[in-house]
PDB file of all heavy atoms in Angstrom:
ATOM      1  N   LEU A   1      15.000  -8.686 -10.990  1.00  0.00           N
ATOM      2  CA  LEU A   1      14.932  -9.900 -10.194  1.00  0.00           C
ATOM      3  C   LEU A   1      15.646  -9.684  -8.846  1.00  0.00           C
ATOM      4  O   LEU A   1      16.491  -8.785  -8.714  1.00  0.00           O
ATOM      5  CB  LEU A   1      15.576 -11.042 -10.962  1.00  0.00           C
ATOM      6  CG  LEU A   1      15.268 -12.473 -10.477  1.00  0.00           C
ATOM      7  CD1 LEU A   1      13.816 -12.788 -10.559  1.00  0.00           C
ATOM      8  CD2 LEU A   1      16.099 -13.467 -11.315  1.00  0.00           C
ATOM      9  N   ASN A   2      15.324 -10.492  -7.861  1.00  0.00           N
ATOM     10  CA  ASN A   2      15.903 -10.421  -6.520  1.00  0.00           C
ATOM     11  C   ASN A   2      15.790  -9.027  -5.908  1.00  0.00           C
ATOM     12  O   ASN A   2      16.741  -8.472  -5.331  1.00  0.00           O
ATOM     13  CB  ASN A   2      17.395 -10.825  -6.554  1.00  0.00           C
ATOM     14  CG  ASN A   2      17.556 -12.288  -6.985  1.00  0.00           C
ATOM     15  OD1 ASN A   2      16.729 -13.163  -6.680  1.00  0.00           O
ATOM     16  ND2 ASN A   2      18.608 -12.566  -7.765  1.00  0.00           N
ATOM     17  N   ASP A   3      14.607  -8.456  -6.068  1.00  0.00           N
ATOM     18  CA  ASP A   3      14.351  -7.153  -5.518  1.00  0.00           C
ATOM     19  C   ASP A   3      12.915  -7.140  -4.981  1.00  0.00           C
ATOM     20  O   ASP A   3      12.161  -8.114  -5.220  1.00  0.00           O
ATOM     21  CB  ASP A   3      14.522  -6.072  -6.577  1.00  0.00           C
ATOM     22  CG  ASP A   3      14.648  -4.693  -5.978  1.00  0.00           C
ATOM     23  OD1 ASP A   3      14.657  -4.577  -4.725  1.00  0.00           O
ATOM     24  OD2 ASP A   3      14.709  -3.701  -6.740  1.00  0.00           O
ATOM     25  N   THR A   4      12.514  -6.085  -4.302  1.00  0.00           N
ATOM     26  CA  THR A   4      11.156  -6.023  -3.785  1.00  0.00           C
ATOM     27  C   THR A   4      10.304  -5.059  -4.611  1.00  0.00           C
ATOM     28  O   THR A   4      10.795  -4.147  -5.268  1.00  0.00           O
ATOM     29  CB  THR A   4      11.187  -5.499  -2.327  1.00  0.00           C
ATOM     30  OG1 THR A   4      11.776  -4.210  -2.270  1.00  0.00           O
ATOM     31  CG2 THR A   4      11.937  -6.479  -1.446  1.00  0.00           C
ATOM     32  N   CYS A   5       9.009  -5.308  -4.586  1.00  0.00           N
ATOM     33  CA  CYS A   5       8.043  -4.405  -5.195  1.00  0.00           C
ATOM     34  C   CYS A   5       6.874  -4.223  -4.239  1.00  0.00           C
ATOM     35  O   CYS A   5       6.685  -5.041  -3.310  1.00  0.00           O
ATOM     36  CB  CYS A   5       7.564  -4.955  -6.558  1.00  0.00           C
ATOM     37  SG  CYS A   5       6.728  -6.542  -6.450  1.00  0.00           S
ATOM     38  N   GLU A   6       6.093  -3.201  -4.470  1.00  0.00           N
ATOM     39  CA  GLU A   6       4.984  -2.910  -3.557  1.00  0.00           C
ATOM     40  C   GLU A   6       3.635  -2.975  -4.283  1.00  0.00           C
ATOM     41  O   GLU A   6       3.376  -2.157  -5.157  1.00  0.00           O
ATOM     42  CB  GLU A   6       5.159  -1.533  -2.925  1.00  0.00           C
ATOM     43  CG  GLU A   6       6.185  -1.486  -1.823  1.00  0.00           C
ATOM     44  CD  GLU A   6       6.202  -0.132  -1.131  1.00  0.00           C
ATOM     45  OE1 GLU A   6       5.766   0.866  -1.731  1.00  0.00           O
ATOM     46  OE2 GLU A   6       6.623  -0.103   0.032  1.00  0.00           O
ATOM     47  N   ALA A   7       2.855  -3.969  -3.934  1.00  0.00           N
ATOM     48  CA  ALA A   7       1.482  -4.038  -4.429  1.00  0.00           C
ATOM     49  C   ALA A   7       0.560  -3.348  -3.416  1.00  0.00           C
ATOM     50  O   ALA A   7       0.936  -3.225  -2.232  1.00  0.00           O
ATOM     51  CB  ALA A   7       1.049  -5.506  -4.636  1.00  0.00           C
ATOM     52  N   ALA A   8      -0.563  -2.903  -3.851  1.00  0.00           N
ATOM     53  CA  ALA A   8      -1.472  -2.136  -2.949  1.00  0.00           C
ATOM     54  C   ALA A   8      -2.915  -2.649  -3.055  1.00  0.00           C
ATOM     55  O   ALA A   8      -3.354  -3.071  -4.127  1.00  0.00           O
ATOM     56  CB  ALA A   8      -1.403  -0.661  -3.271  1.00  0.00           C
ATOM     57  N   HIS A   9      -3.590  -2.626  -1.944  1.00  0.00           N
ATOM     58  CA  HIS A   9      -5.037  -2.865  -1.961  1.00  0.00           C
ATOM     59  C   HIS A   9      -5.676  -1.815  -1.069  1.00  0.00           C
ATOM     60  O   HIS A   9      -5.071  -1.354  -0.092  1.00  0.00           O
ATOM     61  CB  HIS A   9      -5.394  -4.282  -1.544  1.00  0.00           C
ATOM     62  CG  HIS A   9      -4.965  -4.646  -0.134  1.00  0.00           C
ATOM     63  ND1 HIS A   9      -5.769  -4.378   0.983  1.00  0.00           N
ATOM     64  CD2 HIS A   9      -3.820  -5.207   0.348  1.00  0.00           C
ATOM     65  CE1 HIS A   9      -5.123  -4.814   2.055  1.00  0.00           C
ATOM     66  NE2 HIS A   9      -3.969  -5.319   1.724  1.00  0.00           N
ATOM     67  N   PHE A  10      -6.901  -1.420  -1.401  1.00  0.00           N
ATOM     68  CA  PHE A  10      -7.519  -0.354  -0.628  1.00  0.00           C
ATOM     69  C   PHE A  10      -9.045  -0.525  -0.545  1.00  0.00           C
ATOM     70  O   PHE A  10      -9.629  -1.314  -1.301  1.00  0.00           O
ATOM     71  CB  PHE A  10      -7.192   1.007  -1.247  1.00  0.00           C
ATOM     72  CG  PHE A  10      -7.797   1.249  -2.596  1.00  0.00           C
ATOM     73  CD1 PHE A  10      -9.010   1.927  -2.725  1.00  0.00           C
ATOM     74  CD2 PHE A  10      -7.168   0.811  -3.757  1.00  0.00           C
ATOM     75  CE1 PHE A  10      -9.562   2.146  -3.983  1.00  0.00           C
ATOM     76  CE2 PHE A  10      -7.713   1.016  -4.994  1.00  0.00           C
ATOM     77  CZ  PHE A  10      -8.907   1.677  -5.114  1.00  0.00           C
ATOM     78  N   GLY A  11      -9.627   0.220   0.383  1.00  0.00           N
ATOM     79  CA  GLY A  11     -11.068   0.218   0.570  1.00  0.00           C
ATOM     80  C   GLY A  11     -11.575   1.640   0.671  1.00  0.00           C
ATOM     81  O   GLY A  11     -10.982   2.573   0.062  1.00  0.00           O
ATOM     82  N   LEU A  12     -12.626   1.866   1.409  1.00  0.00           N
ATOM     83  CA  LEU A  12     -13.203   3.194   1.513  1.00  0.00           C
ATOM     84  C   LEU A  12     -12.416   4.103   2.441  1.00  0.00           C
ATOM     85  O   LEU A  12     -12.463   5.311   2.283  1.00  0.00           O
ATOM     86  CB  LEU A  12     -14.647   3.106   2.050  1.00  0.00           C
ATOM     87  CG  LEU A  12     -15.660   2.388   1.162  1.00  0.00           C
ATOM     88  CD1 LEU A  12     -16.990   2.251   1.914  1.00  0.00           C
ATOM     89  CD2 LEU A  12     -15.844   3.131  -0.153  1.00  0.00           C
ATOM     90  N   TRP A  13     -11.646   3.514   3.339  1.00  0.00           N
ATOM     91  CA  TRP A  13     -11.026   4.317   4.397  1.00  0.00           C
ATOM     92  C   TRP A  13      -9.499   4.312   4.386  1.00  0.00           C
ATOM     93  O   TRP A  13      -8.893   5.260   4.857  1.00  0.00           O
ATOM     94  CB  TRP A  13     -11.508   3.826   5.785  1.00  0.00           C
ATOM     95  CG  TRP A  13     -12.949   3.618   5.857  1.00  0.00           C
ATOM     96  CD1 TRP A  13     -13.619   2.410   5.844  1.00  0.00           C
ATOM     97  CD2 TRP A  13     -14.002   4.622   5.879  1.00  0.00           C
ATOM     98  NE1 TRP A  13     -14.979   2.606   5.885  1.00  0.00           N
ATOM     99  CE2 TRP A  13     -15.250   3.928   5.936  1.00  0.00           C
ATOM    100  CE3 TRP A  13     -13.951   6.021   5.913  1.00  0.00           C
ATOM    101  CZ2 TRP A  13     -16.455   4.621   5.988  1.00  0.00           C
ATOM    102  CZ3 TRP A  13     -15.161   6.676   5.981  1.00  0.00           C
ATOM    103  CH2 TRP A  13     -16.401   6.003   6.003  1.00  0.00           C
ATOM    104  N   ARG A  14      -8.862   3.236   3.923  1.00  0.00           N
ATOM    105  CA  ARG A  14      -7.445   3.187   4.029  1.00  0.00           C
ATOM    106  C   ARG A  14      -6.790   2.427   2.872  1.00  0.00           C
ATOM    107  O   ARG A  14      -7.412   1.667   2.169  1.00  0.00           O
ATOM    108  CB  ARG A  14      -6.998   2.582   5.376  1.00  0.00           C
ATOM    109  CG  ARG A  14      -7.366   1.101   5.511  1.00  0.00           C
ATOM    110  CD  ARG A  14      -6.811   0.547   6.828  1.00  0.00           C
ATOM    111  NE  ARG A  14      -7.010  -0.887   6.925  1.00  0.00           N
ATOM    112  CZ  ARG A  14      -6.494  -1.650   7.847  1.00  0.00           C
ATOM    113  NH1 ARG A  14      -5.721  -1.121   8.779  1.00  0.00           N
ATOM    114  NH2 ARG A  14      -6.702  -2.955   7.881  1.00  0.00           N
ATOM    115  N   LEU A  15      -5.487   2.601   2.763  1.00  0.00           N
ATOM    116  CA  LEU A  15      -4.641   1.983   1.759  1.00  0.00           C
ATOM    117  C   LEU A  15      -3.666   1.095   2.442  1.00  0.00           C
ATOM    118  O   LEU A  15      -3.056   1.468   3.457  1.00  0.00           O
ATOM    119  CB  LEU A  15      -3.895   3.057   0.969  1.00  0.00           C
ATOM    120  CG  LEU A  15      -2.711   2.590   0.094  1.00  0.00           C
ATOM    121  CD1 LEU A  15      -3.215   1.840  -1.099  1.00  0.00           C
ATOM    122  CD2 LEU A  15      -1.870   3.794  -0.305  1.00  0.00           C
ATOM    123  N   CYS A  16      -3.482  -0.106   1.919  1.00  0.00           N
ATOM    124  CA  CYS A  16      -2.473  -1.044   2.459  1.00  0.00           C
ATOM    125  C   CYS A  16      -1.481  -1.379   1.327  1.00  0.00           C
ATOM    126  O   CYS A  16      -1.873  -1.709   0.205  1.00  0.00           O
ATOM    127  CB  CYS A  16      -3.117  -2.325   2.944  1.00  0.00           C
ATOM    128  SG  CYS A  16      -4.164  -2.100   4.407  1.00  0.00           S
ATOM    129  N   LYS A  17      -0.203  -1.291   1.661  1.00  0.00           N
ATOM    130  CA  LYS A  17       0.848  -1.659   0.710  1.00  0.00           C
ATOM    131  C   LYS A  17       1.580  -2.883   1.255  1.00  0.00           C
ATOM    132  O   LYS A  17       1.853  -2.981   2.451  1.00  0.00           O
ATOM    133  CB  LYS A  17       1.858  -0.502   0.561  1.00  0.00           C
ATOM    134  CG  LYS A  17       1.233   0.745  -0.050  1.00  0.00           C
ATOM    135  CD  LYS A  17       2.267   1.835  -0.229  1.00  0.00           C
ATOM    136  CE  LYS A  17       2.725   2.318   1.169  1.00  0.00           C
ATOM    137  NZ  LYS A  17       3.743   3.408   1.062  1.00  0.00           N
ATOM    138  N   LYS A  18       1.894  -3.791   0.357  1.00  0.00           N
ATOM    139  CA  LYS A  18       2.594  -4.992   0.742  1.00  0.00           C
ATOM    140  C   LYS A  18       3.901  -5.125  -0.048  1.00  0.00           C
ATOM    141  O   LYS A  18       3.863  -5.072  -1.289  1.00  0.00           O
ATOM    142  CB  LYS A  18       1.684  -6.211   0.482  1.00  0.00           C
ATOM    143  CG  LYS A  18       2.166  -7.489   1.119  1.00  0.00           C
ATOM    144  CD  LYS A  18       1.125  -8.582   0.993  1.00  0.00           C
ATOM    145  CE  LYS A  18       1.512  -9.792   1.810  1.00  0.00           C
ATOM    146  NZ  LYS A  18       0.479 -10.867   1.694  1.00  0.00           N
ATOM    147  N   THR A  19       4.989  -5.257   0.665  1.00  0.00           N
ATOM    148  CA  THR A  19       6.284  -5.382   0.048  1.00  0.00           C
ATOM    149  C   THR A  19       6.544  -6.859  -0.232  1.00  0.00           C
ATOM    150  O   THR A  19       6.609  -7.680   0.690  1.00  0.00           O
ATOM    151  CB  THR A  19       7.386  -4.820   0.973  1.00  0.00           C
ATOM    152  OG1 THR A  19       7.107  -3.449   1.271  1.00  0.00           O
ATOM    153  CG2 THR A  19       8.746  -4.901   0.297  1.00  0.00           C
ATOM    154  N   ILE A  20       6.704  -7.176  -1.496  1.00  0.00           N
ATOM    155  CA  ILE A  20       6.898  -8.580  -1.916  1.00  0.00           C
ATOM    156  C   ILE A  20       8.282  -8.754  -2.551  1.00  0.00           C
ATOM    157  O   ILE A  20       8.673  -7.934  -3.383  1.00  0.00           O
ATOM    158  CB  ILE A  20       5.796  -8.958  -2.945  1.00  0.00           C
ATOM    159  CG1 ILE A  20       4.416  -8.788  -2.297  1.00  0.00           C
ATOM    160  CG2 ILE A  20       5.958 -10.385  -3.431  1.00  0.00           C
ATOM    161  CD1 ILE A  20       3.242  -8.990  -3.242  1.00  0.00           C
ATOM    162  N   TYR A  21       8.957  -9.782  -2.163  1.00  0.00           N
ATOM    163  CA  TYR A  21      10.277 -10.084  -2.692  1.00  0.00           C
ATOM    164  C   TYR A  21      10.139 -10.928  -3.956  1.00  0.00           C
ATOM    165  O   TYR A  21       9.475 -11.978  -3.955  1.00  0.00           O
ATOM    166  CB  TYR A  21      11.132 -10.802  -1.674  1.00  0.00           C
ATOM    167  CG  TYR A  21      12.560 -11.050  -2.111  1.00  0.00           C
ATOM    168  CD1 TYR A  21      13.482 -10.001  -2.118  1.00  0.00           C
ATOM    169  CD2 TYR A  21      12.980 -12.329  -2.523  1.00  0.00           C
ATOM    170  CE1 TYR A  21      14.786 -10.200  -2.548  1.00  0.00           C
ATOM    171  CE2 TYR A  21      14.294 -12.530  -2.935  1.00  0.00           C
ATOM    172  CZ  TYR A  21      15.186 -11.460  -2.946  1.00  0.00           C
ATOM    173  OH  TYR A  21      16.495 -11.687  -3.364  1.00  0.00           O
ATOM    174  N   ILE A  22      10.757 -10.471  -5.045  1.00  0.00           N
ATOM    175  CA  ILE A  22      10.629 -11.161  -6.331  1.00  0.00           C
ATOM    176  C   ILE A  22      11.894 -12.002  -6.590  1.00  0.00           C
ATOM    177  O   ILE A  22      13.008 -11.491  -6.596  1.00  0.00           O
ATOM    178  CB  ILE A  22      10.483 -10.129  -7.485  1.00  0.00           C
ATOM    179  CG1 ILE A  22       9.243  -9.244  -7.242  1.00  0.00           C
ATOM    180  CG2 ILE A  22      10.369 -10.865  -8.831  1.00  0.00           C
ATOM    181  CD1 ILE A  22       7.948 -10.004  -7.177  1.00  0.00           C
ATOM    182  N   GLU A  23      11.654 -13.288  -6.800  1.00  0.00           N
ATOM    183  CA  GLU A  23      12.788 -14.173  -7.047  1.00  0.00           C
ATOM    184  C   GLU A  23      12.543 -15.090  -8.253  1.00  0.00           C
ATOM    185  O   GLU A  23      13.399 -15.903  -8.599  1.00  0.00           O
ATOM    186  CB  GLU A  23      13.116 -15.005  -5.835  1.00  0.00           C
ATOM    187  CG  GLU A  23      11.933 -15.798  -5.243  1.00  0.00           C
ATOM    188  CD  GLU A  23      12.320 -16.507  -3.973  1.00  0.00           C
ATOM    189  OE1 GLU A  23      13.467 -16.363  -3.533  1.00  0.00           O
ATOM    190  OE2 GLU A  23      11.434 -17.188  -3.407  1.00  0.00           O
ATOM    191  N   GLU A  24      11.359 -14.975  -8.869  1.00  0.00           N
ATOM    192  CA  GLU A  24      11.072 -15.775 -10.047  1.00  0.00           C
ATOM    193  C   GLU A  24      11.333 -14.948 -11.303  1.00  0.00           C
ATOM    194  O   GLU A  24      10.812 -13.843 -11.438  1.00  0.00           O
ATOM    195  CB  GLU A  24       9.602 -16.276  -9.998  1.00  0.00           C
ATOM    196  CG  GLU A  24       9.308 -17.212  -8.876  1.00  0.00           C
ATOM    197  CD  GLU A  24       7.890 -17.753  -8.926  1.00  0.00           C
ATOM    198  OE1 GLU A  24       7.178 -17.387  -9.892  1.00  0.00           O
ATOM    199  OE2 GLU A  24       7.498 -18.484  -8.008  1.00  0.00           O
ATOM    200  N   GLU A  25      12.051 -15.538 -12.220  1.00  0.00           N
ATOM    201  CA  GLU A  25      12.447 -14.823 -13.441  1.00  0.00           C
ATOM    202  C   GLU A  25      11.232 -14.521 -14.318  1.00  0.00           C
ATOM    203  O   GLU A  25      11.210 -13.523 -15.059  1.00  0.00           O
ATOM    204  CB  GLU A  25      13.449 -15.640 -14.220  1.00  0.00           C
ATOM    205  CG  GLU A  25      14.099 -14.902 -15.353  1.00  0.00           C
ATOM    206  CD  GLU A  25      15.248 -15.676 -15.980  1.00  0.00           C
ATOM    207  OE1 GLU A  25      15.691 -16.661 -15.400  1.00  0.00           O
ATOM    208  OE2 GLU A  25      15.677 -15.280 -17.073  1.00  0.00           O
ATOM    209  N   GLU A  26      10.181 -15.330 -14.227  1.00  0.00           N
ATOM    210  CA  GLU A  26       8.974 -15.140 -15.060  1.00  0.00           C
ATOM    211  C   GLU A  26       8.224 -13.863 -14.676  1.00  0.00           C
ATOM    212  O   GLU A  26       7.394 -13.388 -15.421  1.00  0.00           O
ATOM    213  CB  GLU A  26       8.056 -16.353 -14.899  1.00  0.00           C
ATOM    214  CG  GLU A  26       8.678 -17.649 -15.419  1.00  0.00           C
ATOM    215  CD  GLU A  26       7.755 -18.838 -15.175  1.00  0.00           C
ATOM    216  OE1 GLU A  26       6.710 -18.646 -14.540  1.00  0.00           O
ATOM    217  OE2 GLU A  26       8.068 -19.932 -15.667  1.00  0.00           O
ATOM    218  N   ALA A  27       8.472 -13.379 -13.487  1.00  0.00           N
ATOM    219  CA  ALA A  27       7.743 -12.178 -13.014  1.00  0.00           C
ATOM    220  C   ALA A  27       8.217 -10.894 -13.658  1.00  0.00           C
ATOM    221  O   ALA A  27       7.530  -9.859 -13.553  1.00  0.00           O
ATOM    222  CB  ALA A  27       7.850 -12.089 -11.505  1.00  0.00           C
ATOM    223  N   ILE A  28       9.382 -10.873 -14.286  1.00  0.00           N
ATOM    224  CA  ILE A  28       9.909  -9.683 -14.901  1.00  0.00           C
ATOM    225  C   ILE A  28       8.999  -9.148 -16.001  1.00  0.00           C
ATOM    226  O   ILE A  28       8.542  -9.906 -16.875  1.00  0.00           O
ATOM    227  CB  ILE A  28      11.318  -9.924 -15.525  1.00  0.00           C
ATOM    228  CG1 ILE A  28      12.277 -10.418 -14.417  1.00  0.00           C
ATOM    229  CG2 ILE A  28      11.862  -8.661 -16.163  1.00  0.00           C
ATOM    230  CD1 ILE A  28      12.519  -9.431 -13.320  1.00  0.00           C
ATOM    231  N   GLY A  29       8.642  -7.862 -15.913  1.00  0.00           N
ATOM    232  CA  GLY A  29       7.784  -7.243 -16.882  1.00  0.00           C
ATOM    233  C   GLY A  29       6.288  -7.388 -16.589  1.00  0.00           C
ATOM    234  O   GLY A  29       5.477  -6.791 -17.293  1.00  0.00           O
ATOM    235  N   LYS A  30       5.991  -8.167 -15.550  1.00  0.00           N
ATOM    236  CA  LYS A  30       4.575  -8.365 -15.178  1.00  0.00           C
ATOM    237  C   LYS A  30       4.256  -7.559 -13.931  1.00  0.00           C
ATOM    238  O   LYS A  30       5.097  -6.879 -13.378  1.00  0.00           O
ATOM    239  CB  LYS A  30       4.286  -9.861 -14.947  1.00  0.00           C
ATOM    240  CG  LYS A  30       4.491 -10.685 -16.193  1.00  0.00           C
ATOM    241  CD  LYS A  30       4.182 -12.153 -15.888  1.00  0.00           C
ATOM    242  CE  LYS A  30       4.343 -13.053 -17.122  1.00  0.00           C
ATOM    243  NZ  LYS A  30       4.071 -14.464 -16.851  1.00  0.00           N
ATOM    244  N   GLY A  31       3.049  -7.700 -13.477  1.00  0.00           N
ATOM    245  CA  GLY A  31       2.633  -6.967 -12.262  1.00  0.00           C
ATOM    246  C   GLY A  31       3.170  -7.597 -11.002  1.00  0.00           C
ATOM    247  O   GLY A  31       3.375  -8.826 -10.946  1.00  0.00           O
ATOM    248  N   CYS A  32       3.407  -6.767 -10.013  1.00  0.00           N
ATOM    249  CA  CYS A  32       3.888  -7.246  -8.705  1.00  0.00           C
ATOM    250  C   CYS A  32       2.777  -8.067  -8.045  1.00  0.00           C
ATOM    251  O   CYS A  32       1.650  -7.635  -7.910  1.00  0.00           O
ATOM    252  CB  CYS A  32       4.282  -6.053  -7.843  1.00  0.00           C
ATOM    253  SG  CYS A  32       4.855  -6.501  -6.193  1.00  0.00           S
TER     254      CYS A  32
END
């Protein structure tokens, strides 16, 4: 909790990473 994680989305040409700050306790153990 209270940390960042990086989710990613991509297409044919490039990759994008998004740094998301996690502050909800329910998110622990789940996907970013």
